[in-house]
C-alpha atoms as a PDB file:
ATOM      1  CA  MET A   1       6.654   9.014  22.232  1.00  0.00           C
ATOM      2  CA  ASP A   2       8.124   9.883  18.705  1.00  0.00           C
ATOM      3  CA  ILE A   3       6.983   6.835  16.642  1.00  0.00           C
ATOM      4  CA  SER A   4       3.978   4.386  16.918  1.00  0.00           C
ATOM      5  CA  VAL A   5       4.819   1.454  14.444  1.00  0.00           C
ATOM      6  CA  VAL A   6       1.379  -0.144  13.364  1.00  0.00           C
ATOM      7  CA  ILE A   7       1.390  -3.509  11.627  1.00  0.00           C
ATOM      8  CA  VAL A   8      -1.779  -5.206  10.142  1.00  0.00           C
ATOM      9  CA  ASN A   9      -1.433  -8.906   9.718  1.00  0.00           C
ATOM     10  CA  TRP A  10      -3.338 -11.652   8.325  1.00  0.00           C
ATOM     11  CA  ASN A  11      -2.012 -15.215   8.279  1.00  0.00           C
ATOM     12  CA  THR A  12       1.672 -13.981   7.634  1.00  0.00           C
ATOM     13  CA  ARG A  13       3.083 -15.250  10.940  1.00  0.00           C
ATOM     14  CA  ASP A  14       6.702 -15.733   9.983  1.00  0.00           C
ATOM     15  CA  LEU A  15       6.825 -12.549   7.853  1.00  0.00           C
ATOM     16  CA  LEU A  16       5.172 -10.499  10.797  1.00  0.00           C
ATOM     17  CA  LEU A  17       7.891 -11.766  13.352  1.00  0.00           C
ATOM     18  CA  ASP A  18      10.481 -10.695  10.915  1.00  0.00           C
ATOM     19  CA  CYS A  19       8.824  -7.287  10.320  1.00  0.00           C
ATOM     20  CA  ILE A  20       8.703  -6.795  14.167  1.00  0.00           C
ATOM     21  CA  ARG A  21      12.290  -7.994  14.600  1.00  0.00           C
ATOM     22  CA  SER A  22      13.455  -5.539  12.005  1.00  0.00           C
ATOM     23  CA  VAL A  23      11.688  -2.705  14.020  1.00  0.00           C
ATOM     24  CA  TYR A  24      13.687  -3.716  17.184  1.00  0.00           C
ATOM     25  CA  GLU A  25      16.842  -4.336  15.551  1.00  0.00           C
ATOM     26  CA  THR A  26      16.957  -1.003  13.480  1.00  0.00           C
ATOM     27  CA  VAL A  27      15.112   1.656  15.442  1.00  0.00           C
ATOM     28  CA  GLN A  28      17.792   3.068  17.812  1.00  0.00           C
ATOM     29  CA  GLY A  29      17.661   5.945  19.926  1.00  0.00           C
ATOM     30  CA  ILE A  30      14.072   7.003  19.174  1.00  0.00           C
ATOM     31  CA  PRO A  31      11.123   6.160  21.750  1.00  0.00           C
ATOM     32  CA  PHE A  32       8.776   3.977  20.064  1.00  0.00           C
ATOM     33  CA  GLU A  33       5.932   1.486  20.455  1.00  0.00           C
ATOM     34  CA  ILE A  34       4.598  -1.232  18.085  1.00  0.00           C
ATOM     35  CA  TRP A  35       0.891  -2.084  17.706  1.00  0.00           C
ATOM     36  CA  VAL A  36       0.019  -5.432  15.791  1.00  0.00           C
ATOM     37  CA  VAL A  37      -3.610  -5.607  14.735  1.00  0.00           C
ATOM     38  CA  ASP A  38      -4.329  -9.298  13.941  1.00  0.00           C
ATOM     39  CA  ASN A  39      -7.364  -9.837  11.403  1.00  0.00           C
ATOM     40  CA  GLY A  40      -8.351 -13.375  12.811  1.00  0.00           C
ATOM     41  CA  SER A  41      -5.463 -15.153  11.684  1.00  0.00           C
ATOM     42  CA  THR A  42      -5.632 -18.888  11.689  1.00  0.00           C
ATOM     43  CA  ASP A  43      -1.750 -19.706  11.532  1.00  0.00           C
ATOM     44  CA  GLY A  44      -0.690 -18.949  14.939  1.00  0.00           C
ATOM     45  CA  SER A  45       0.377 -15.418  14.443  1.00  0.00           C
ATOM     46  CA  GLN A  46      -1.451 -13.939  17.611  1.00  0.00           C
ATOM     47  CA  GLU A  47       0.134 -16.527  19.913  1.00  0.00           C
ATOM     48  CA  ALA A  48       3.550 -16.140  18.188  1.00  0.00           C
ATOM     49  CA  VAL A  49       3.495 -12.312  18.932  1.00  0.00           C
ATOM     50  CA  LYS A  50       2.662 -12.967  22.405  1.00  0.00           C
ATOM     51  CA  THR A  51       5.476 -15.499  22.973  1.00  0.00           C
ATOM     52  CA  VAL A  52       8.240 -13.855  21.092  1.00  0.00           C
ATOM     53  CA  PHE A  53       7.483 -10.137  21.498  1.00  0.00           C
ATOM     54  CA  PRO A  54       5.415  -9.763  24.684  1.00  0.00           C
ATOM     55  CA  LEU A  55       5.855  -5.948  24.677  1.00  0.00           C
ATOM     56  CA  VAL A  56       4.077  -5.406  21.480  1.00  0.00           C
ATOM     57  CA  GLN A  57       0.568  -3.921  21.735  1.00  0.00           C
ATOM     58  CA  LEU A  58      -1.694  -6.626  20.171  1.00  0.00           C
ATOM     59  CA  ILE A  59      -5.253  -6.266  18.916  1.00  0.00           C
ATOM     60  CA  GLU A  60      -6.940  -9.435  18.220  1.00  0.00           C
ATOM     61  CA  ASN A  61      -9.781  -9.388  15.925  1.00  0.00           C
ATOM     62  CA  THR A  62     -11.885 -12.546  15.363  1.00  0.00           C
ATOM     63  CA  GLN A  63     -12.444 -11.807  11.458  1.00  0.00           C
ATOM     64  CA  ASN A  64     -10.507 -10.188   8.775  1.00  0.00           C
ATOM     65  CA  ARG A  65     -11.761  -6.533   9.091  1.00  0.00           C
ATOM     66  CA  GLY A  66      -9.548  -5.237   6.263  1.00  0.00           C
ATOM     67  CA  PHE A  67      -6.600  -2.974   6.003  1.00  0.00           C
ATOM     68  CA  ALA A  68      -8.248   0.381   6.670  1.00  0.00           C
ATOM     69  CA  ALA A  69     -10.590  -0.794   9.645  1.00  0.00           C
ATOM     70  CA  ALA A  70      -7.690  -2.697  11.243  1.00  0.00           C
ATOM     71  CA  ASN A  71      -5.204   0.264  10.944  1.00  0.00           C
ATOM     72  CA  ASN A  72      -7.657   2.452  12.506  1.00  0.00           C
ATOM     73  CA  GLN A  73      -8.251   0.340  15.479  1.00  0.00           C
ATOM     74  CA  ALA A  74      -4.406   1.258  16.336  1.00  0.00           C
ATOM     75  CA  LEU A  75      -4.398   4.680  15.085  1.00  0.00           C
ATOM     76  CA  LYS A  76      -7.029   5.785  17.472  1.00  0.00           C
ATOM     77  CA  GLN A  77      -5.174   4.529  20.407  1.00  0.00           C
ATOM     78  CA  ILE A  78      -1.566   5.550  19.364  1.00  0.00           C
ATOM     79  CA  THR A  79       0.533   7.798  21.599  1.00  0.00           C
ATOM     80  CA  GLY A  80       3.449   8.742  19.023  1.00  0.00           C
ATOM     81  CA  ARG A  81       3.733  11.972  17.352  1.00  0.00           C
ATOM     82  CA  TYR A  82       4.102   9.963  14.086  1.00  0.00           C
ATOM     83  CA  ALA A  83       2.602   6.757  12.967  1.00  0.00           C
ATOM     84  CA  LEU A  84       4.833   4.306  11.006  1.00  0.00           C
ATOM     85  CA  LEU A  85       2.565   2.124   9.047  1.00  0.00           C
ATOM     86  CA  LEU A  86       4.203  -1.251   7.895  1.00  0.00           C
ATOM     87  CA  ASN A  87       2.809  -4.138   5.757  1.00  0.00           C
ATOM     88  CA  SER A  88       3.704  -7.553   7.610  1.00  0.00           C
ATOM     89  CA  ASP A  89       5.825  -8.319   4.629  1.00  0.00           C
ATOM     90  CA  THR A  90       8.302  -5.503   4.988  1.00  0.00           C
ATOM     91  CA  ALA A  91      11.551  -5.113   6.968  1.00  0.00           C
ATOM     92  CA  LEU A  92      13.151  -2.020   8.011  1.00  0.00           C
ATOM     93  CA  THR A  93      16.781  -1.361   7.009  1.00  0.00           C
ATOM     94  CA  ASP A  94      19.172   0.340   9.344  1.00  0.00           C
ATOM     95  CA  GLY A  95      18.481   3.907   9.755  1.00  0.00           C
ATOM     96  CA  ALA A  96      15.118   3.916   7.674  1.00  0.00           C
ATOM     97  CA  ALA A  97      12.780   4.934  10.593  1.00  0.00           C
ATOM     98  CA  GLN A  98      15.302   7.618  11.739  1.00  0.00           C
ATOM     99  CA  THR A  99      15.619   8.973   8.183  1.00  0.00           C
ATOM    100  CA  LEU A 100      11.894   9.389   7.849  1.00  0.00           C
ATOM    101  CA  LEU A 101      11.456  10.922  11.257  1.00  0.00           C
ATOM    102  CA  THR A 102      14.267  13.383  10.653  1.00  0.00           C
ATOM    103  CA  PHE A 103      12.678  14.433   7.294  1.00  0.00           C
ATOM    104  CA  MET A 104       9.205  14.888   8.932  1.00  0.00           C
ATOM    105  CA  GLU A 105      10.603  16.993  11.630  1.00  0.00           C
ATOM    106  CA  SER A 106      12.459  19.143   9.393  1.00  0.00           C
ATOM    107  CA  THR A 107       9.519  19.602   7.101  1.00  0.00           C
ATOM    108  CA  PRO A 108       6.466  20.899   9.085  1.00  0.00           C
ATOM    109  CA  THR A 109       4.366  20.906   5.856  1.00  0.00           C
ATOM    110  CA  ALA A 110       4.567  17.136   5.442  1.00  0.00           C
ATOM    111  CA  GLY A 111       1.736  15.049   6.312  1.00  0.00           C
ATOM    112  CA  MET A 112       2.798  11.804   4.959  1.00  0.00           C
ATOM    113  CA  ALA A 113       6.261  10.457   3.572  1.00  0.00           C
ATOM    114  CA  CYS A 114       7.117   7.082   2.030  1.00  0.00           C
ATOM    115  CA  GLY A 115      10.557   5.593   1.582  1.00  0.00           C
ATOM    116  CA  GLN A 116      12.147   3.441  -1.141  1.00  0.00           C
ATOM    117  CA  LEU A 117      10.689  -0.164  -1.224  1.00  0.00           C
ATOM    118  CA  LEU A 118      13.251  -2.778  -2.213  1.00  0.00           C
ATOM    119  CA  ASN A 119      12.798  -6.366  -3.562  1.00  0.00           C
ATOM    120  CA  THR A 120      14.779  -9.035  -1.725  1.00  0.00           C
ATOM    121  CA  ASP A 121      17.700  -8.953  -4.283  1.00  0.00           C
ATOM    122  CA  GLY A 122      18.072  -5.087  -3.420  1.00  0.00           C
ATOM    123  CA  SER A 123      16.458  -3.966  -6.786  1.00  0.00           C
ATOM    124  CA  ARG A 124      13.896  -0.800  -6.551  1.00  0.00           C
ATOM    125  CA  GLN A 125      10.270  -1.325  -6.317  1.00  0.00           C
ATOM    126  CA  ASN A 126       7.845   1.372  -7.395  1.00  0.00           C
ATOM    127  CA  SER A 127       7.185   3.329  -3.987  1.00  0.00           C
ATOM    128  CA  ILE A 128       5.442   6.291  -5.399  1.00  0.00           C
ATOM    129  CA  ALA A 129       1.632   6.483  -6.583  1.00  0.00           C
ATOM    130  CA  ASN A 130      -0.169   9.079  -8.745  1.00  0.00           C
ATOM    131  CA  PHE A 131      -3.915   9.736  -8.275  1.00  0.00           C
ATOM    132  CA  PRO A 132      -5.916   8.048 -10.630  1.00  0.00           C
ATOM    133  CA  THR A 133      -7.548  10.256 -13.394  1.00  0.00           C
ATOM    134  CA  LEU A 134      -8.771  10.093 -16.825  1.00  0.00           C
ATOM    135  CA  LEU A 135      -5.178  10.536 -18.198  1.00  0.00           C
ATOM    136  CA  THR A 136      -3.813   7.580 -16.163  1.00  0.00           C
ATOM    137  CA  LEU A 137      -6.810   5.395 -17.183  1.00  0.00           C
ATOM    138  CA  ILE A 138      -6.546   5.981 -20.961  1.00  0.00           C
ATOM    139  CA  SER A 139      -2.648   6.023 -21.057  1.00  0.00           C
ATOM    140  CA  ASN A 140      -0.120   3.405 -20.230  1.00  0.00           C
ATOM    141  CA  GLU A 141       1.676   4.363 -16.847  1.00  0.00           C
ATOM    142  CA  THR A 142       4.928   2.983 -18.185  1.00  0.00           C
ATOM    143  CA  ILE A 143       4.826   5.617 -21.026  1.00  0.00           C
ATOM    144  CA  LEU A 144       3.613   8.437 -18.687  1.00  0.00           C
ATOM    145  CA  ARG A 145       6.787   7.745 -16.411  1.00  0.00           C
ATOM    146  CA  ILE A 146       9.193   7.701 -19.194  1.00  0.00           C
ATOM    147  CA  PHE A 147       7.997  10.961 -21.082  1.00  0.00           C
ATOM    148  CA  PHE A 148       6.632  12.751 -17.929  1.00  0.00           C
ATOM    149  CA  PRO A 149       9.042  11.907 -15.180  1.00  0.00           C
ATOM    150  CA  GLU A 150       8.576  15.011 -13.237  1.00  0.00           C
ATOM    151  CA  LYS A 151       4.794  14.401 -13.015  1.00  0.00           C
ATOM    152  CA  PHE A 152       5.007  10.696 -12.976  1.00  0.00           C
ATOM    153  CA  PRO A 153       8.094   9.721 -10.709  1.00  0.00           C
ATOM    154  CA  SER A 154       8.997   6.100 -10.599  1.00  0.00           C
ATOM    155  CA  LYS A 155      11.724   3.604 -10.002  1.00  0.00           C
ATOM    156  CA  ARG A 156      13.175   4.275 -13.382  1.00  0.00           C
ATOM    157  CA  ARG A 157      15.002   7.242 -11.861  1.00  0.00           C
ATOM    158  CA  ASN A 158      17.578   7.079  -8.830  1.00  0.00           C
ATOM    159  CA  TYR A 159      16.410   9.894  -6.789  1.00  0.00           C
ATOM    160  CA  GLN A 160      19.263  11.327  -4.332  1.00  0.00           C
ATOM    161  CA  HIS A 161      17.093  13.768  -2.515  1.00  0.00           C
ATOM    162  CA  PRO A 162      13.298  13.818  -1.224  1.00  0.00           C
ATOM    163  CA  ILE A 163      10.732  14.877  -3.518  1.00  0.00           C
ATOM    164  CA  PRO A 164       7.209  15.848  -3.463  1.00  0.00           C
ATOM    165  CA  VAL A 165       4.781  13.326  -4.816  1.00  0.00           C
ATOM    166  CA  GLU A 166       0.944  12.828  -4.891  1.00  0.00           C
ATOM    167  CA  SER A 167       1.024   9.488  -2.769  1.00  0.00           C
ATOM    168  CA  GLY A 168       3.109   6.837  -1.507  1.00  0.00           C
ATOM    169  CA  ILE A 169       2.637   2.848  -1.683  1.00  0.00           C
ATOM    170  CA  GLY A 170       1.079   1.842   1.572  1.00  0.00           C
ATOM    171  CA  ALA A 171       3.643  -0.843   2.434  1.00  0.00           C
ATOM    172  CA  CYS A 172       5.617   1.852   4.462  1.00  0.00           C
ATOM    173  CA  LEU A 173       4.152   5.131   5.500  1.00  0.00           C
ATOM    174  CA  MET A 174       4.922   7.771   8.100  1.00  0.00           C
ATOM    175  CA  ILE A 175       2.321  10.041   9.063  1.00  0.00           C
ATOM    176  CA  ARG A 176       2.243  13.055  11.091  1.00  0.00           C
ATOM    177  CA  LYS A 177      -0.346  12.850  14.066  1.00  0.00           C
ATOM    178  CA  ALA A 178      -1.275  16.414  13.628  1.00  0.00           C
ATOM    179  CA  ALA A 179      -2.100  15.590   9.953  1.00  0.00           C
ATOM    180  CA  MET A 180      -4.332  12.793  11.136  1.00  0.00           C
ATOM    181  CA  ASP A 181      -5.983  15.030  13.548  1.00  0.00           C
ATOM    182  CA  THR A 182      -6.739  17.444  10.499  1.00  0.00           C
ATOM    183  CA  VAL A 183      -8.161  15.109   7.877  1.00  0.00           C
ATOM    184  CA  GLY A 184      -9.075  11.994  10.081  1.00  0.00           C
ATOM    185  CA  ILE A 185      -7.727   8.399   9.641  1.00  0.00           C
ATOM    186  CA  PHE A 186      -8.452   5.855   6.959  1.00  0.00           C
ATOM    187  CA  ASP A 187     -11.849   5.620   5.041  1.00  0.00           C
ATOM    188  CA  GLU A 188     -13.139   2.284   6.149  1.00  0.00           C
ATOM    189  CA  THR A 189     -15.170   2.075   2.974  1.00  0.00           C
ATOM    190  CA  TYR A 190     -12.091   0.615   1.699  1.00  0.00           C
ATOM    191  CA  PHE A 191     -11.327  -2.992   2.683  1.00  0.00           C
ATOM    192  CA  PHE A 192      -8.099  -3.133   0.914  1.00  0.00           C
ATOM    193  CA  PHE A 193      -6.114  -1.066  -1.547  1.00  0.00           C
ATOM    194  CA  PHE A 194      -6.503   2.606  -2.296  1.00  0.00           C
ATOM    195  CA  GLU A 195      -7.118   3.727   1.209  1.00  0.00           C
ATOM    196  CA  GLU A 196      -3.869   5.121   1.354  1.00  0.00           C
ATOM    197  CA  THR A 197      -4.450   6.978  -1.816  1.00  0.00           C
ATOM    198  CA  ASP A 198      -7.635   8.281  -0.634  1.00  0.00           C
ATOM    199  CA  TRP A 199      -5.792   9.681   2.640  1.00  0.00           C
ATOM    200  CA  ALA A 200      -3.290  11.153   0.793  1.00  0.00           C
ATOM    201  CA  TYR A 201      -5.869  12.852  -1.511  1.00  0.00           C
ATOM    202  CA  ARG A 202      -7.564  14.448   1.673  1.00  0.00           C
ATOM    203  CA  MET A 203      -4.367  15.598   2.919  1.00  0.00           C
ATOM    204  CA  ARG A 204      -3.438  17.602  -0.152  1.00  0.00           C
ATOM    205  CA  LEU A 205      -6.983  19.096   0.066  1.00  0.00           C
ATOM    206  CA  ALA A 206      -5.959  20.221   3.671  1.00  0.00           C
ATOM    207  CA  ASN A 207      -2.678  21.549   2.373  1.00  0.00           C
ATOM    208  CA  TRP A 208      -0.682  18.899   3.911  1.00  0.00           C
ATOM    209  CA  ARG A 209       2.212  17.650   1.469  1.00  0.00           C
ATOM    210  CA  ILE A 210       3.314  14.088   0.639  1.00  0.00           C
ATOM    211  CA  TYR A 211       6.913  13.228   0.119  1.00  0.00           C
ATOM    212  CA  PHE A 212       9.065  10.296  -1.130  1.00  0.00           C
ATOM    213  CA  VAL A 213      12.241   9.890   0.893  1.00  0.00           C
ATOM    214  CA  PRO A 214      14.566   7.719  -1.047  1.00  0.00           C
ATOM    215  CA  SER A 215      17.382   7.400   1.391  1.00  0.00           C
ATOM    216  CA  ALA A 216      15.011   5.614   3.729  1.00  0.00           C
ATOM    217  CA  ARG A 217      14.992   1.941   2.554  1.00  0.00           C
ATOM    218  CA  ILE A 218      12.544  -0.814   3.129  1.00  0.00           C
ATOM    219  CA  ILE A 219      12.586  -4.278   1.965  1.00  0.00           C
ATOM    220  CA  HIS A 220       9.333  -5.491   0.690  1.00  0.00           C
ATOM    221  CA  ALA A 221       8.291  -9.172  -0.229  1.00  0.00           C
ATOM    222  CA  GLN A 222       5.842  -7.784  -2.534  1.00  0.00           C
ATOM    223  CA  GLY A 223       2.297  -9.550  -2.932  1.00  0.00           C
ATOM    224  CA  LYS A 224       3.049 -11.814   0.199  1.00  0.00           C
ATOM    225  CA  SER A 225       0.768 -10.159   2.308  1.00  0.00           C
ATOM    226  CA  ALA A 226      -1.992  -9.188  -0.225  1.00  0.00           C
ATOM    227  CA  GLY A 227      -1.815 -12.204  -2.678  1.00  0.00           C
ATOM    228  CA  ASN A 228      -2.021 -12.155  -6.487  1.00  0.00           C
ATOM    229  CA  ASN A 229      -5.243 -14.385  -6.988  1.00  0.00           C
ATOM    230  CA  VAL A 230      -8.574 -13.350  -8.398  1.00  0.00           C
ATOM    231  CA  ALA A 231      -9.876 -12.474  -5.044  1.00  0.00           C
ATOM    232  CA  SER A 232      -6.957 -10.031  -4.378  1.00  0.00           C
ATOM    233  CA  ARG A 233      -7.658  -8.578  -7.828  1.00  0.00           C
ATOM    234  CA  ILE A 234     -11.430  -8.255  -7.232  1.00  0.00           C
ATOM    235  CA  LEU A 235     -10.655  -6.063  -4.075  1.00  0.00           C
ATOM    236  CA  PHE A 236      -8.274  -3.869  -6.206  1.00  0.00           C
ATOM    237  CA  TYR A 237     -11.055  -3.246  -8.767  1.00  0.00           C
ATOM    238  CA  ARG A 238     -13.699  -2.532  -6.063  1.00  0.00           C
ATOM    239  CA  SER A 239     -11.511  -0.230  -4.158  1.00  0.00           C
ATOM    240  CA  ARG A 240     -10.565   1.685  -7.331  1.00  0.00           C
ATOM    241  CA  TYR A 241     -14.306   1.958  -8.070  1.00  0.00           C
ATOM    242  CA  ILE A 242     -15.099   3.256  -4.510  1.00  0.00           C
ATOM    243  CA  TYR A 243     -11.995   5.833  -5.082  1.00  0.00           C
ATOM    244  CA  LEU A 244     -13.223   7.103  -8.593  1.00  0.00           C
ATOM    245  CA  LYS A 245     -16.978   7.326  -7.416  1.00  0.00           C
ATOM    246  CA  LYS A 246     -15.908   9.281  -4.391  1.00  0.00           C
ATOM    247  CA  TRP A 247     -13.458  11.956  -5.897  1.00  0.00           C
ATOM    248  CA  HIS A 248     -14.585  11.777  -9.731  1.00  0.00           C
ATOM    249  CA  PRO A 249     -18.629  11.429  -9.729  1.00  0.00           C
ATOM    250  CA  GLN A 250     -18.756  13.591 -12.982  1.00  0.00           C
ATOM    251  CA  ASN A 251     -16.662  11.134 -14.947  1.00  0.00           C
ATOM    252  CA  TYR A 252     -17.149   7.923 -12.917  1.00  0.00           C
ATOM    253  CA  SER A 253     -19.266   6.212 -15.783  1.00  0.00           C
ATOM    254  CA  LEU A 254     -16.813   6.907 -18.314  1.00  0.00           C
ATOM    255  CA  MET A 255     -13.914   5.745 -16.320  1.00  0.00           C
ATOM    256  CA  ILE A 256     -15.565   2.538 -15.727  1.00  0.00           C
ATOM    257  CA  VAL A 257     -16.206   1.896 -19.383  1.00  0.00           C
ATOM    258  CA  ILE A 258     -12.442   2.721 -20.036  1.00  0.00           C
ATOM    259  CA  ILE A 259     -11.291   0.220 -17.315  1.00  0.00           C
ATOM    260  CA  PHE A 260     -13.581  -2.410 -18.581  1.00  0.00           C
ATOM    261  CA  ILE A 261     -12.308  -1.894 -22.221  1.00  0.00           C
ATOM    262  CA  ARG A 262      -8.747  -2.280 -21.034  1.00  0.00           C
ATOM    263  CA  LEU A 263      -9.611  -5.405 -19.236  1.00  0.00           C
ATOM    264  CA  LEU A 264     -11.209  -6.939 -22.365  1.00  0.00           C
ATOM    265  CA  VAL A 265      -8.233  -5.981 -24.426  1.00  0.00           C
ATOM    266  CA  ASN A 266      -5.793  -7.577 -21.846  1.00  0.00           C
ATOM    267  CA  ALA A 267      -7.842 -10.710 -21.593  1.00  0.00           C
ATOM    268  CA  VAL A 268      -7.910 -10.962 -25.521  1.00  0.00           C
ATOM    269  CA  LEU A 269      -4.232 -10.602 -25.684  1.00  0.00           C
ATOM    270  CA  SER A 270      -3.515 -13.010 -22.964  1.00  0.00           C
ATOM    271  CA  LEU A 271      -5.690 -15.433 -24.636  1.00  0.00           C
ATOM    272  CA  LEU A 272      -3.655 -15.072 -27.827  1.00  0.00           C
ATOM    273  CA  GLY A 273      -0.570 -15.620 -25.892  1.00  0.00           C
ATOM    274  CA  VAL A 274      -1.882 -18.709 -24.405  1.00  0.00           C
ATOM    275  CA  GLY A 275      -2.832 -19.961 -27.896  1.00  0.00           C
ATOM    276  CA  LEU A 276       0.519 -19.083 -29.454  1.00  0.00           C
ATOM    277  CA  THR A 277       2.450 -20.895 -26.458  1.00  0.00           C
ATOM    278  CA  LEU A 278       0.045 -23.960 -26.531  1.00  0.00           C
ATOM    279  CA  GLY A 279      -1.020 -23.170 -22.934  1.00  0.00           C
ATOM    280  CA  LEU A 280       2.575 -24.098 -21.726  1.00  0.00           C
ATOM    281  CA  ALA A 281       3.289 -20.796 -20.017  1.00  0.00           C
ATOM    282  CA  PRO A 282       1.785 -21.497 -16.566  1.00  0.00           C
ATOM    283  CA  ARG A 283       1.880 -17.745 -15.608  1.00  0.00           C
ATOM    284  CA  LEU A 284       0.457 -16.554 -18.658  1.00  0.00           C
ATOM    285  CA  LEU A 285      -2.391 -19.159 -18.569  1.00  0.00           C
ATOM    286  CA  ASP A 286      -3.025 -18.010 -14.759  1.00  0.00           C
ATOM    287  CA  LYS A 287      -3.214 -14.534 -15.736  1.00  0.00           C
ATOM    288  CA  THR A 288      -5.660 -15.104 -18.772  1.00  0.00           C
ATOM    289  CA  ILE A 289      -7.764 -17.071 -16.203  1.00  0.00           C
ATOM    290  CA  VAL A 290      -7.899 -14.153 -13.692  1.00  0.00           C
ATOM    291  CA  TYR A 291      -8.719 -11.859 -16.505  1.00  0.00           C
ATOM    292  CA  PHE A 292     -11.862 -13.606 -17.423  1.00  0.00           C
ATOM    293  CA  GLN A 293     -12.969 -14.240 -13.971  1.00  0.00           C
ATOM    294  CA  LEU A 294     -12.667 -10.334 -13.573  1.00  0.00           C
ATOM    295  CA  ILE A 295     -14.760  -9.917 -16.674  1.00  0.00           C
ATOM    296  CA  ALA A 296     -17.369 -12.354 -15.266  1.00  0.00           C
ATOM    297  CA  TRP A 297     -17.394 -10.495 -11.884  1.00  0.00           C
ATOM    298  CA  HIS A 298     -17.915  -7.120 -13.738  1.00  0.00           C
ATOM    299  CA  PHE A 299     -21.069  -9.015 -15.619  1.00  0.00           C
ATOM    300  CA  LYS A 300     -22.409 -10.044 -12.288  1.00  0.00           C
ATOM    301  CA  GLY A 301     -22.607  -6.123 -11.381  1.00  0.00           C
ATOM    302  CA  CYS A 302     -19.128  -6.211  -9.520  1.00  0.00           C
ATOM    303  CA  HIS A 303     -20.692  -8.066  -6.652  1.00  0.00           C
END
């Protein structure tokens, strides 16, 4: 088996079916299997997969175990030489899986590779992630990407060839099974967010390399699987703190202070924006509410 496709789902039935369909329609001439790990969906996802795609290996959880733990359930059982992790809100384009596979086969030092994520209108999304550091927390990431594009690659540049990167966005990742055998699978301390960043960092420590392969193109309905409400943002902050405490223990307290100050500044600026628009900008108002809910969560001890 060449590729084991792994998709974690939670209440995104129609997107999940489209994602699976894209695998069957675009992966040609490559032995593959599909694993779906359903995190206790209540929207009929499990029944739909059984009915529409009976050959899919389905793991049915009774509760939401999170992204890392759910992926690990499948990763412990796959038979492929490579795992292809897909969010349920993605769809492969023609040749995407083959392109990633060909690159990995020709690059024995590659432990992980990501493709180019696209919005539904075909425009590019950021598909590359840098490891969080003091510099990235203090600075504006957009400015870093503009002035230091080699160190901070992004969608601003139209890359024609694969490039080495620090990490990829977890919506679509191909991982070499041999690399997993070396560094282990996901750290289940993370419920959602930053688990792939942690994985990439461990791979780099073990001398595996991570690459961005721009010719592998994947449609990504960004945010449909994760959401953008305060619960999702709390998960993001909690996972970021887990990562920073794990890999930057000496600077952890300072990093938390920096993050909180930036949150306060963003909240104040958003509140001013709400005032200037007389509260008539719904998206700005919603963002401001989320900021202040995050501040309240911090004052409660991030619990």
